[in-house]
Amino acid sequence: MNPVVLIAEELAPAAIEVLAHDFDVRHVDGTDRPALLAALSEADAVIVRSATQIDAEAVAAAPRLKVVARAGVGLDNVEVPAATARGVMVVNAPTSNIVSAAEQAVALLLAVARNTASASSALKAGEWKRSKYTGVEVQGKTVGVVGLGRIGVLFAQRIAAFGTRLIAYDPYIQPARAAQLGVRLVGLEELLRESDFISIHLPKTPETVGLIGEKELAIVKPGVRIVNAARGGLVDEQALANAIAEGRVAGAGVDVYSKEPCTSSPLFAFDNVVATPHLGASTHEAQDKAGLAVAKSVKLALQGEFVPDAVNVQAGGVVAEDVRPLLPLAEKLGRAFTAVAGGVAASVTVEVRGEIVSHDVSVLKLAATKGLFSSVVEEQVTYVNAPHLAAERGVEVTLATLAETAEQPTLVTVRGALPDGRTVSVSGTVTHSGARDVLKLTEVDGFDVEIGAEGILLFLRYADRPGVVGTVGTLLGESGINIAAMQVARREAGGETLMTLTVDQALGADLLTSAADSIGATSASAADLRDE
């Protein structure tokens, strides 16, 4: 049965096409709450836009849920902590609408400067009053940009082409970066006093809600025009309406509101306010980009791969192409480590060696952590909840990197200290066979091996002597267990030996114990390294 992807709102056809071949795509009206909750009971993934609420109740109604995807930038309608607690990945499309949003801010600024909307309405009503709608030029004016994130930067680049002077308030950007953009960084108060136009480009957080209110609007440059196409609530709507009524603010362009949908606002009473119904992302291009981005993220998540746009994954961000093949390796090494160790370690270090460490390899620690707990807990282990599972069990997982390695160009080792004082390690590498990446184990608890990190692996440790291999082979054969690969590594003749076998199907605990007893093994364990 293919995983079920539930689409709760309209999605671009190209995005649906990405999912249709591999998944059971179903549709539901996300605003119909009972229908949504019923459909979520069988969903492995749900894709929403802005109208569908995915809260704790919705997450609880979806026992199979692995990923919530928001086809857009904001996540106001997704209860991220509830999803995280359940190990459910939350993804969005952070760059899908940035061009559209920046262009909307420019459009509002120009419309306010030239009284475009009110003049159009008057003309259509039969009035020809050119002098009433005299506006101002943008050229030569000072434009204040509040927030130099991705959208703020795009807005600044576009409005600079009008021959403006740009200043910006953003406490999280370095002055050198702002200078590269041709923008002078100032404090918020200075920006309010100097700007002829102000455009808001901030996320909505507890710190930014009400950032521009009555106090701030009392010190603005007389005749300023203000644009907010970012998030509702950043500008106090009533305070802005009062400032417009008093003539301190000459006009405003508003695309977002503190409560949406919004059909009533004190700002709607003014001809010099251009108000639009949250159109920042409403372009065909932005919707297509958002749909395609989250469809690709859902596909990666349901295939068990790392998703760069996951907002609740600790090592989020772009993963270098050279690092990607090491993700499944690190996870499988984590699984193998837990099997060999026979339980949860007190502390674990993920060591990465080779030229690969010139890239950011922190995601490999996350992948290894996911593997460490995959056979330990009953709940599904994901990139989302793996760090929480480690913290709950008091397991400290750290990352160590070394630029040099002796034998392999790239080597990943999971090394841990057990509660009884023992140290266990498992190492591996990735080689290439044509276009295929081959994952290999190269070391298991001090024994040099070379065997594929795939399938079901058995590890038997015993004292070297003749006939052991035959005994194990006969026992497994009589039980209908086929051996795909086998390797024996010993420290010296007659000394401690490790037999590693790849078998085609899982062994029951009784059969593994029988195999160990038949050769007098000091330890026996099995690791399931099959792809999920």
Protein backbone atom coordinates (compact mmCIF):
# COMPACT_ATOMS: atom_id res chain seq x y z
CA MET A 1 0.00 0.00 0.00
CA ASN A 2 1.40 3.37 -1.02
CA PRO A 3 1.69 6.12 1.60
CA VAL A 4 -1.30 8.48 1.63
CA VAL A 5 -0.73 12.17 0.85
CA LEU A 6 -3.73 14.27 1.84
CA ILE A 7 -4.15 17.56 -0.03
CA ALA A 8 -6.38 19.86 2.00
CA GLU A 9 -6.34 22.93 -0.26
CA GLU A 10 -5.80 23.80 -3.90
CA LEU A 11 -2.37 22.79 -5.18
CA ALA A 12 -0.68 23.38 -8.52
CA PRO A 13 -1.23 20.50 -10.99
CA ALA A 14 2.53 20.20 -11.48
CA ALA A 15 2.93 19.59 -7.73
CA ILE A 16 0.28 16.86 -7.72
CA GLU A 17 2.07 15.25 -10.65
CA VAL A 18 5.26 14.99 -8.55
CA LEU A 19 3.35 12.92 -5.98
CA ALA A 20 0.94 10.94 -8.12
CA HIS A 21 3.35 8.20 -9.25
CA ASP A 22 4.57 7.12 -5.81
CA PHE A 23 1.74 7.94 -3.42
CA ASP A 24 -1.99 7.60 -2.90
CA VAL A 25 -3.04 11.24 -3.37
CA ARG A 26 -6.35 12.12 -1.71
CA HIS A 27 -8.23 15.40 -1.43
CA VAL A 28 -10.30 16.95 1.36
CA ASP A 29 -11.71 20.40 2.11
CA GLY A 30 -9.41 21.50 4.91
CA THR A 31 -11.95 24.03 6.18
CA ASP A 32 -14.46 21.23 6.82
CA ARG A 33 -13.14 20.21 10.21
CA PRO A 34 -14.95 16.87 10.67
CA ALA A 35 -14.00 15.79 7.14
CA LEU A 36 -10.39 16.84 7.71
CA LEU A 37 -10.04 14.91 10.97
CA ALA A 38 -11.58 11.81 9.42
CA ALA A 39 -9.27 11.96 6.39
CA LEU A 40 -6.20 12.48 8.57
CA SER A 41 -6.70 9.09 10.21
CA GLU A 42 -5.10 7.41 7.19
CA ALA A 43 -2.72 10.16 6.10
CA ASP A 44 1.06 9.84 6.05
CA ALA A 45 1.40 13.44 4.90
CA VAL A 46 -0.89 16.46 4.65
CA ILE A 47 -0.39 19.51 2.46
CA VAL A 48 -2.12 22.78 3.36
CA ARG A 49 -1.99 26.44 2.46
CA SER A 50 -3.33 29.10 4.83
CA ALA A 51 -6.97 28.14 5.49
CA THR A 52 -6.50 24.68 7.06
CA GLN A 53 -5.66 24.49 10.75
CA ILE A 54 -3.24 21.71 11.70
CA ASP A 55 -3.25 21.92 15.48
CA ALA A 56 -2.69 19.40 18.28
CA GLU A 57 -6.13 17.88 17.70
CA ALA A 58 -5.40 17.37 14.01
CA VAL A 59 -2.00 15.83 14.72
CA ALA A 60 -3.54 13.48 17.30
CA ALA A 61 -6.12 12.39 14.72
CA ALA A 62 -3.35 11.22 12.37
CA PRO A 63 -1.48 8.26 13.90
CA ARG A 64 0.45 7.60 10.66
CA LEU A 65 1.38 11.22 10.02
CA LYS A 66 5.03 11.84 9.16
CA VAL A 67 5.02 15.28 7.57
CA VAL A 68 2.91 18.43 7.48
CA ALA A 69 3.64 20.64 4.48
CA ARG A 70 2.58 24.27 4.18
CA ALA A 71 2.59 25.44 0.56
CA GLY A 72 3.80 28.91 1.46
CA VAL A 73 6.11 30.77 3.81
CA GLY A 74 4.18 31.36 7.04
CA LEU A 75 3.24 28.66 9.56
CA ASP A 76 0.59 30.51 11.56
CA ASN A 77 -1.93 27.72 10.91
CA VAL A 78 0.37 24.85 11.91
CA GLU A 79 0.99 24.03 15.57
CA VAL A 80 4.67 23.19 15.19
CA PRO A 81 5.34 22.16 18.84
CA ALA A 82 2.51 19.59 18.71
CA ALA A 83 3.92 18.12 15.49
CA THR A 84 7.46 18.08 16.89
CA ALA A 85 6.36 16.26 20.04
CA ARG A 86 4.96 13.50 17.84
CA GLY A 87 8.05 13.35 15.62
CA VAL A 88 6.12 14.82 12.68
CA MET A 89 8.19 16.87 10.29
CA VAL A 90 6.90 20.32 9.35
CA VAL A 91 8.03 21.79 6.05
CA ASN A 92 7.21 24.93 4.15
CA ALA A 93 8.35 26.72 1.01
CA PRO A 94 10.44 29.56 2.43
CA THR A 95 11.56 31.05 -0.88
CA SER A 96 8.53 30.34 -3.07
CA ASN A 97 6.86 33.72 -2.80
CA ILE A 98 9.68 36.08 -1.95
CA VAL A 99 9.75 37.71 -5.38
CA SER A 100 5.97 38.05 -5.47
CA ALA A 101 5.89 39.51 -1.94
CA ALA A 102 8.63 42.03 -2.74
CA GLU A 103 6.86 43.07 -5.92
CA GLN A 104 3.57 43.49 -4.02
CA ALA A 105 5.28 45.86 -1.57
CA VAL A 106 6.66 47.89 -4.49
CA ALA A 107 3.23 47.94 -6.12
CA LEU A 108 1.57 49.20 -2.92
CA LEU A 109 4.22 51.86 -2.44
CA LEU A 110 3.73 53.20 -5.97
CA ALA A 111 -0.06 53.01 -5.70
CA VAL A 112 0.00 55.01 -2.46
CA ALA A 113 2.46 57.55 -3.88
CA ARG A 114 0.22 58.20 -6.91
CA ASN A 115 -3.24 57.66 -5.38
CA THR A 116 -3.83 55.03 -8.05
CA ALA A 117 -6.60 53.02 -6.40
CA SER A 118 -8.81 55.94 -5.34
CA ALA A 119 -8.33 57.72 -8.68
CA SER A 120 -9.34 54.57 -10.53
CA SER A 121 -12.46 54.13 -8.39
CA ALA A 122 -13.44 57.79 -8.86
CA LEU A 123 -13.03 57.66 -12.63
CA LYS A 124 -15.11 54.50 -12.88
CA ALA A 125 -17.77 56.29 -10.85
CA GLY A 126 -17.88 59.07 -13.47
CA GLU A 127 -15.54 61.60 -11.83
CA TRP A 128 -12.65 63.25 -13.71
CA LYS A 129 -10.72 65.06 -10.94
CA ARG A 130 -7.04 65.09 -11.81
CA SER A 131 -6.00 67.69 -9.26
CA LYS A 132 -7.63 65.80 -6.38
CA TYR A 133 -5.34 62.84 -6.91
CA THR A 134 -2.00 64.61 -7.30
CA GLY A 135 0.71 62.36 -5.91
CA VAL A 136 4.45 62.43 -5.21
CA GLU A 137 7.50 61.05 -6.98
CA VAL A 138 9.54 58.28 -5.45
CA GLN A 139 12.84 59.44 -6.97
CA GLY A 140 15.06 61.26 -4.51
CA LYS A 141 13.06 60.16 -1.49
CA THR A 142 14.32 58.30 1.57
CA VAL A 143 12.87 54.81 1.83
CA GLY A 144 13.10 53.02 5.18
CA VAL A 145 13.14 49.22 5.05
CA VAL A 146 12.21 47.56 8.34
CA GLY A 147 13.78 44.11 8.09
CA LEU A 148 16.51 43.09 5.64
CA GLY A 149 15.62 39.44 5.26
CA ARG A 150 15.20 37.80 1.88
CA ILE A 151 12.08 39.76 0.96
CA GLY A 152 13.40 42.99 2.42
CA VAL A 153 16.56 42.67 0.34
CA LEU A 154 14.57 42.03 -2.85
CA PHE A 155 12.37 45.03 -2.11
CA ALA A 156 15.40 47.23 -1.45
CA GLN A 157 17.06 46.16 -4.70
CA ARG A 158 13.95 46.98 -6.69
CA ILE A 159 13.09 50.29 -5.06
CA ALA A 160 16.73 51.43 -5.37
CA ALA A 161 16.21 51.50 -9.15
CA PHE A 162 13.89 54.49 -8.64
CA GLY A 163 16.81 56.62 -7.48
CA THR A 164 15.96 56.46 -3.78
CA ARG A 165 18.09 56.75 -0.65
CA LEU A 166 17.82 53.53 1.35
CA ILE A 167 18.03 53.17 5.10
CA ALA A 168 17.11 50.07 7.08
CA TYR A 169 16.46 48.81 10.57
CA ASP A 170 17.50 45.23 11.25
CA PRO A 171 19.43 44.35 14.44
CA TYR A 172 20.42 40.95 13.02
CA ILE A 173 22.33 42.03 9.92
CA GLN A 174 25.93 43.16 9.80
CA PRO A 175 26.64 46.74 8.60
CA ALA A 176 29.05 45.38 5.97
CA ARG A 177 26.29 43.26 4.43
CA ALA A 178 23.93 46.24 4.38
CA ALA A 179 26.64 48.37 2.76
CA GLN A 180 27.00 45.77 0.00
CA LEU A 181 23.30 46.28 -0.71
CA GLY A 182 23.67 50.05 -0.79
CA VAL A 183 21.68 50.41 2.43
CA ARG A 184 22.61 52.40 5.55
CA LEU A 185 21.70 50.72 8.84
CA VAL A 186 20.00 52.93 11.43
CA GLY A 187 17.98 52.52 14.60
CA LEU A 188 14.22 52.23 14.37
CA GLU A 189 13.63 55.71 15.77
CA GLU A 190 16.01 57.30 13.23
CA LEU A 191 14.33 55.39 10.41
CA LEU A 192 10.91 56.65 11.49
CA ARG A 193 12.10 60.27 11.67
CA GLU A 194 13.94 60.29 8.31
CA SER A 195 11.85 58.16 5.95
CA ASP A 196 9.47 59.47 3.29
CA PHE A 197 8.32 55.89 2.70
CA ILE A 198 8.48 52.96 5.11
CA SER A 199 8.07 49.32 4.07
CA ILE A 200 7.79 46.52 6.64
CA HIS A 201 9.48 43.17 5.98
CA LEU A 202 9.64 41.32 9.30
CA PRO A 203 8.40 37.92 10.50
CA LYS A 204 5.61 37.88 13.06
CA THR A 205 7.06 37.05 16.48
CA PRO A 206 6.20 38.12 20.04
CA GLU A 207 8.94 40.76 19.70
CA THR A 208 7.68 42.24 16.44
CA VAL A 209 3.90 42.32 17.06
CA GLY A 210 2.92 45.97 17.50
CA LEU A 211 6.41 47.13 16.59
CA ILE A 212 4.95 50.25 15.02
CA GLY A 213 2.20 51.62 17.21
CA GLU A 214 0.98 54.90 18.60
CA LYS A 215 4.33 55.85 20.14
CA GLU A 216 6.29 55.16 16.95
CA LEU A 217 3.75 56.88 14.69
CA ALA A 218 3.99 60.01 16.83
CA ILE A 219 7.60 60.57 15.74
CA VAL A 220 7.40 59.77 12.01
CA LYS A 221 8.35 62.33 9.40
CA PRO A 222 5.18 64.29 8.52
CA GLY A 223 3.75 63.06 5.23
CA VAL A 224 5.30 59.61 5.41
CA ARG A 225 3.64 56.76 3.53
CA ILE A 226 3.72 53.29 5.12
CA VAL A 227 3.50 49.88 3.46
CA ASN A 228 2.93 46.57 5.24
CA ALA A 229 2.90 43.50 3.00
CA ALA A 230 4.63 41.29 5.57
CA ARG A 231 2.44 40.14 8.47
CA GLY A 232 -0.66 41.56 10.10
CA GLY A 233 -0.21 43.00 13.56
CA LEU A 234 3.28 44.39 13.00
CA VAL A 235 1.64 47.80 12.58
CA ASP A 236 -1.17 48.73 14.97
CA GLU A 237 -4.08 49.29 12.55
CA GLN A 238 -6.04 51.61 14.83
CA ALA A 239 -2.95 53.69 15.62
CA LEU A 240 -2.16 53.92 11.91
CA ALA A 241 -5.75 54.99 11.16
CA ASN A 242 -5.50 57.71 13.82
CA ALA A 243 -2.20 58.96 12.37
CA ILE A 244 -3.76 59.12 8.88
CA ALA A 245 -6.81 60.96 10.21
CA GLU A 246 -4.55 63.50 11.91
CA GLY A 247 -2.52 64.00 8.74
CA ARG A 248 0.80 62.82 10.17
CA VAL A 249 0.78 59.86 7.77
CA ALA A 250 -0.09 60.75 4.18
CA GLY A 251 -1.17 57.27 3.16
CA ALA A 252 -0.68 53.55 3.57
CA GLY A 253 -0.54 50.37 1.54
CA VAL A 254 -1.82 47.39 3.50
CA ASP A 255 -1.92 43.77 2.37
CA VAL A 256 -2.06 42.01 5.75
CA TYR A 257 -4.20 42.33 8.86
CA SER A 258 -4.07 41.30 12.51
CA LYS A 259 -7.07 39.01 11.94
CA GLU A 260 -7.74 37.41 8.59
CA PRO A 261 -9.97 37.17 6.62
CA CYS A 262 -10.53 40.88 7.24
CA THR A 263 -13.50 42.71 5.75
CA SER A 264 -13.69 45.52 8.28
CA SER A 265 -10.85 47.76 9.42
CA PRO A 266 -10.56 51.40 10.52
CA LEU A 267 -8.12 51.80 7.64
CA PHE A 268 -10.82 51.10 5.05
CA ALA A 269 -12.40 54.51 5.68
CA PHE A 270 -9.59 56.41 3.95
CA ASP A 271 -9.19 57.07 0.23
CA ASN A 272 -5.42 57.36 0.72
CA VAL A 273 -5.17 53.77 1.98
CA VAL A 274 -4.67 51.06 -0.63
CA ALA A 275 -5.95 47.84 0.92
CA THR A 276 -5.60 44.40 -0.65
CA PRO A 277 -6.67 40.97 0.69
CA HIS A 278 -3.26 39.42 1.45
CA LEU A 279 -2.11 39.13 -2.16
CA GLY A 280 1.63 38.96 -1.45
CA ALA A 281 1.90 35.34 -2.58
CA SER A 282 -1.01 35.46 -5.00
CA THR A 283 0.76 35.04 -8.30
CA HIS A 284 0.67 32.01 -10.54
CA GLU A 285 4.45 31.76 -10.30
CA ALA A 286 4.54 31.84 -6.49
CA GLN A 287 1.77 29.26 -6.15
CA ASP A 288 3.51 26.93 -8.60
CA LYS A 289 6.84 27.35 -6.81
CA ALA A 290 5.27 26.72 -3.39
CA GLY A 291 3.38 23.65 -4.54
CA LEU A 292 6.38 22.13 -6.28
CA ALA A 293 8.70 22.86 -3.35
CA VAL A 294 6.50 21.21 -0.72
CA ALA A 295 5.63 18.29 -3.02
CA LYS A 296 9.35 17.55 -3.39
CA SER A 297 9.84 17.90 0.38
CA VAL A 298 6.95 15.52 1.11
CA LYS A 299 8.41 12.99 -1.31
CA LEU A 300 11.82 13.19 0.37
CA ALA A 301 10.29 12.89 3.84
CA LEU A 302 8.16 9.86 2.99
CA GLN A 303 11.18 8.20 1.40
CA GLY A 304 13.08 8.68 4.67
CA GLU A 305 15.52 11.20 3.26
CA PHE A 306 16.70 14.47 4.75
CA VAL A 307 14.52 17.49 3.96
CA PRO A 308 16.37 20.83 3.85
CA ASP A 309 13.19 22.90 4.30
CA ALA A 310 12.05 21.14 7.49
CA VAL A 311 11.45 23.90 10.03
CA ASN A 312 11.56 21.67 13.13
CA VAL A 313 14.75 19.73 12.35
CA GLN A 314 17.78 20.85 14.35
CA ALA A 315 20.25 20.55 11.46
CA GLY A 316 18.04 22.11 8.81
CA GLY A 317 19.41 23.90 5.78
CA VAL A 318 20.99 22.99 2.51
CA VAL A 319 23.07 19.81 2.59
CA ALA A 320 26.07 19.75 0.24
CA GLU A 321 25.79 17.24 -2.58
CA ASP A 322 28.97 15.48 -1.42
CA VAL A 323 27.48 15.06 2.07
CA ARG A 324 24.11 13.63 0.99
CA PRO A 325 25.33 10.02 0.36
CA LEU A 326 26.69 9.95 3.91
CA LEU A 327 23.25 10.55 5.45
CA PRO A 328 21.96 6.96 5.02
CA LEU A 329 25.43 5.68 5.98
CA ALA A 330 25.43 7.61 9.26
CA GLU A 331 21.93 6.42 10.09
CA LYS A 332 22.83 2.78 9.40
CA LEU A 333 25.99 3.10 11.47
CA GLY A 334 23.79 4.31 14.33
CA ARG A 335 21.58 1.24 13.95
CA ALA A 336 24.57 -1.09 13.80
CA PHE A 337 26.13 0.58 16.84
CA THR A 338 23.04 -0.01 18.99
CA ALA A 339 22.92 -3.65 17.87
CA VAL A 340 26.60 -4.29 18.66
CA ALA A 341 26.43 -2.36 21.93
CA GLY A 342 23.34 -4.29 23.01
CA GLY A 343 21.61 -1.17 24.31
CA VAL A 344 21.71 2.59 24.67
CA ALA A 345 25.08 4.24 25.19
CA ALA A 346 25.80 6.83 27.86
CA SER A 347 27.48 9.11 25.32
CA VAL A 348 28.18 8.92 21.61
CA THR A 349 30.59 10.72 19.29
CA VAL A 350 30.03 10.82 15.56
CA GLU A 351 33.47 11.16 13.95
CA VAL A 352 33.78 12.33 10.36
CA ARG A 353 37.17 12.12 8.65
CA GLY A 354 38.42 13.25 5.26
CA GLU A 355 38.16 16.19 2.91
CA ILE A 356 34.38 16.05 3.31
CA VAL A 357 34.72 18.04 6.55
CA SER A 358 35.33 21.16 4.48
CA HIS A 359 31.52 21.10 4.18
CA ASP A 360 29.02 21.45 7.00
CA VAL A 361 28.58 17.83 8.17
CA SER A 362 26.53 18.52 11.31
CA VAL A 363 23.54 16.77 9.72
CA LEU A 364 25.46 13.47 9.99
CA LYS A 365 25.23 13.67 13.77
CA LEU A 366 21.46 14.00 13.42
CA ALA A 367 21.26 11.05 11.02
CA ALA A 368 23.35 8.86 13.33
CA THR A 369 21.15 9.84 16.29
CA LYS A 370 18.08 8.79 14.31
CA GLY A 371 19.70 5.39 13.72
CA LEU A 372 20.74 4.97 17.34
CA PHE A 373 17.13 4.89 18.57
CA SER A 374 15.33 3.27 15.63
CA SER A 375 15.25 -0.15 17.33
CA VAL A 376 15.07 1.12 20.89
CA VAL A 377 11.73 2.93 21.10
CA GLU A 378 8.26 1.93 19.95
CA GLU A 379 7.40 5.27 18.37
CA GLN A 380 8.68 6.21 14.93
CA VAL A 381 12.10 7.88 15.06
CA THR A 382 12.56 10.81 12.72
CA TYR A 383 14.99 13.63 12.10
CA VAL A 384 12.55 15.70 14.15
CA ASN A 385 12.33 13.78 17.42
CA ALA A 386 15.69 11.96 17.46
CA PRO A 387 17.46 14.72 19.45
CA HIS A 388 14.57 14.78 21.95
CA LEU A 389 14.75 11.02 22.40
CA ALA A 390 18.48 11.29 23.11
CA ALA A 391 17.94 14.12 25.60
CA GLU A 392 15.15 12.23 27.38
CA ARG A 393 17.50 9.28 27.88
CA GLY A 394 20.46 11.40 28.91
CA VAL A 395 22.52 10.41 25.88
CA GLU A 396 24.91 13.15 24.80
CA VAL A 397 25.68 12.97 21.07
CA THR A 398 28.60 15.07 19.81
CA LEU A 399 30.32 15.61 16.48
CA ALA A 400 34.07 15.43 15.83
CA THR A 401 35.73 16.21 12.50
CA LEU A 402 39.24 15.48 11.21
CA ALA A 403 40.49 16.56 7.79
CA GLU A 404 42.79 13.54 7.41
CA THR A 405 42.06 9.83 7.23
CA ALA A 406 44.44 6.94 6.74
CA GLU A 407 42.83 4.46 4.36
CA GLN A 408 39.46 5.75 3.20
CA PRO A 409 38.93 9.14 1.48
CA THR A 410 35.92 9.59 3.76
CA LEU A 411 35.23 7.72 6.97
CA VAL A 412 32.34 8.01 9.41
CA THR A 413 32.59 6.40 12.84
CA VAL A 414 29.97 6.13 15.56
CA ARG A 415 31.82 5.62 18.85
CA GLY A 416 30.17 5.42 22.22
CA ALA A 417 30.76 4.74 25.88
CA LEU A 418 28.38 2.26 27.50
CA PRO A 419 27.11 2.51 31.09
CA ASP A 420 29.36 -0.42 32.08
CA GLY A 421 32.47 1.43 30.89
CA ARG A 422 32.96 -0.43 27.60
CA THR A 423 33.61 1.48 24.39
CA VAL A 424 32.02 0.34 21.12
CA SER A 425 32.62 1.67 17.64
CA VAL A 426 31.28 1.08 14.13
CA SER A 427 32.78 2.70 11.02
CA GLY A 428 31.82 2.92 7.38
CA THR A 429 32.34 4.68 4.10
CA VAL A 430 30.67 5.25 0.74
CA THR A 431 32.18 4.06 -2.52
CA HIS A 432 30.80 4.44 -6.01
CA SER A 433 29.85 1.79 -8.54
CA GLY A 434 28.90 3.62 -11.69
CA ALA A 435 26.11 6.00 -10.72
CA ARG A 436 25.30 3.99 -7.57
CA ASP A 437 26.51 4.80 -4.07
CA VAL A 438 27.69 1.70 -2.19
CA LEU A 439 27.54 1.86 1.62
CA LYS A 440 30.09 -0.31 3.43
CA LEU A 441 31.01 -1.20 6.98
CA THR A 442 34.79 -0.99 7.42
CA GLU A 443 35.15 -1.59 11.15
CA VAL A 444 33.05 -3.14 13.90
CA ASP A 445 34.25 -2.77 17.48
CA GLY A 446 37.92 -2.83 16.50
CA PHE A 447 37.68 -5.57 13.87
CA ASP A 448 38.48 -4.61 10.28
CA VAL A 449 35.68 -5.66 7.94
CA GLU A 450 34.46 -4.85 4.45
CA ILE A 451 30.84 -5.75 3.97
CA GLY A 452 27.82 -3.92 2.59
CA ALA A 453 25.86 -1.81 5.06
CA GLU A 454 22.55 -3.18 3.86
CA GLY A 455 20.02 -5.88 4.63
CA ILE A 456 19.99 -7.72 7.95
CA LEU A 457 23.43 -8.15 9.52
CA LEU A 458 24.35 -10.68 12.20
CA PHE A 459 27.37 -10.16 14.43
CA LEU A 460 28.77 -13.22 16.26
CA ARG A 461 31.85 -12.96 18.47
CA TYR A 462 33.65 -16.14 19.51
CA ALA A 463 37.05 -17.79 19.98
CA ASP A 464 38.65 -18.76 16.65
CA ARG A 465 38.65 -22.48 15.91
CA PRO A 466 37.93 -24.82 12.94
CA GLY A 467 34.36 -25.65 11.92
CA VAL A 468 32.57 -22.57 13.25
CA VAL A 469 31.60 -21.19 9.85
CA GLY A 470 30.15 -24.55 8.82
CA THR A 471 28.19 -24.87 12.04
CA VAL A 472 26.56 -21.46 11.63
CA GLY A 473 25.87 -22.04 7.94
CA THR A 474 24.25 -25.40 8.59
CA LEU A 475 22.06 -24.06 11.40
CA LEU A 476 20.81 -21.15 9.33
CA GLY A 477 20.28 -23.32 6.28
CA GLU A 478 18.19 -25.82 8.22
CA SER A 479 16.09 -22.88 9.42
CA GLY A 480 15.52 -21.62 5.87
CA ILE A 481 17.71 -18.55 6.32
CA ASN A 482 19.75 -17.69 3.23
CA ILE A 483 23.20 -16.12 3.69
CA ALA A 484 23.92 -13.33 1.18
CA ALA A 485 27.41 -12.43 2.42
CA MET A 486 29.79 -13.44 5.17
CA GLN A 487 33.10 -12.19 6.50
CA VAL A 488 35.27 -13.41 9.34
CA ALA A 489 37.76 -11.09 11.03
CA ARG A 490 40.14 -12.14 13.78
CA ARG A 491 42.85 -10.42 15.75
CA GLU A 492 45.12 -13.50 15.56
CA ALA A 493 44.83 -17.25 14.90
CA GLY A 494 42.95 -18.85 17.76
CA GLY A 495 42.08 -15.45 19.18
CA GLU A 496 38.91 -13.41 19.44
CA THR A 497 36.96 -13.45 16.18
CA LEU A 498 34.01 -11.56 14.70
CA MET A 499 31.76 -13.20 12.11
CA THR A 500 29.55 -10.80 10.18
CA LEU A 501 26.78 -12.23 8.00
CA THR A 502 24.19 -10.64 5.74
CA VAL A 503 21.00 -12.69 5.66
CA ASP A 504 17.85 -12.37 3.58
CA GLN A 505 15.33 -12.32 6.39
CA ALA A 506 15.09 -11.45 10.06
CA LEU A 507 15.94 -14.05 12.67
CA GLY A 508 13.81 -14.62 15.72
CA ALA A 509 15.46 -14.19 19.08
CA ASP A 510 15.43 -17.95 19.66
CA LEU A 511 17.30 -18.71 16.44
CA LEU A 512 19.91 -16.02 17.11
CA THR A 513 20.43 -17.47 20.59
CA SER A 514 20.74 -21.00 19.13
CA ALA A 515 23.36 -19.82 16.64
CA ALA A 516 25.33 -18.19 19.40
CA ASP A 517 25.11 -21.23 21.67
CA SER A 518 26.15 -23.60 18.89
CA ILE A 519 29.56 -21.93 18.59
CA GLY A 520 29.99 -20.74 22.16
CA ALA A 521 29.73 -17.10 21.10
CA THR A 522 30.49 -14.48 23.72
CA SER A 523 28.01 -12.12 22.08
CA ALA A 524 25.45 -12.18 19.26
CA SER A 525 23.40 -9.36 17.80
CA ALA A 526 21.42 -8.43 14.69
CA ALA A 527 21.07 -5.06 12.95
CA ASP A 528 18.32 -4.32 10.47
CA LEU A 529 19.94 -2.02 7.90
CA ARG A 530 17.23 -2.37 5.29
CA ASP A 531 16.04 0.87 3.76
CA GLU A 532 12.87 2.09 5.44
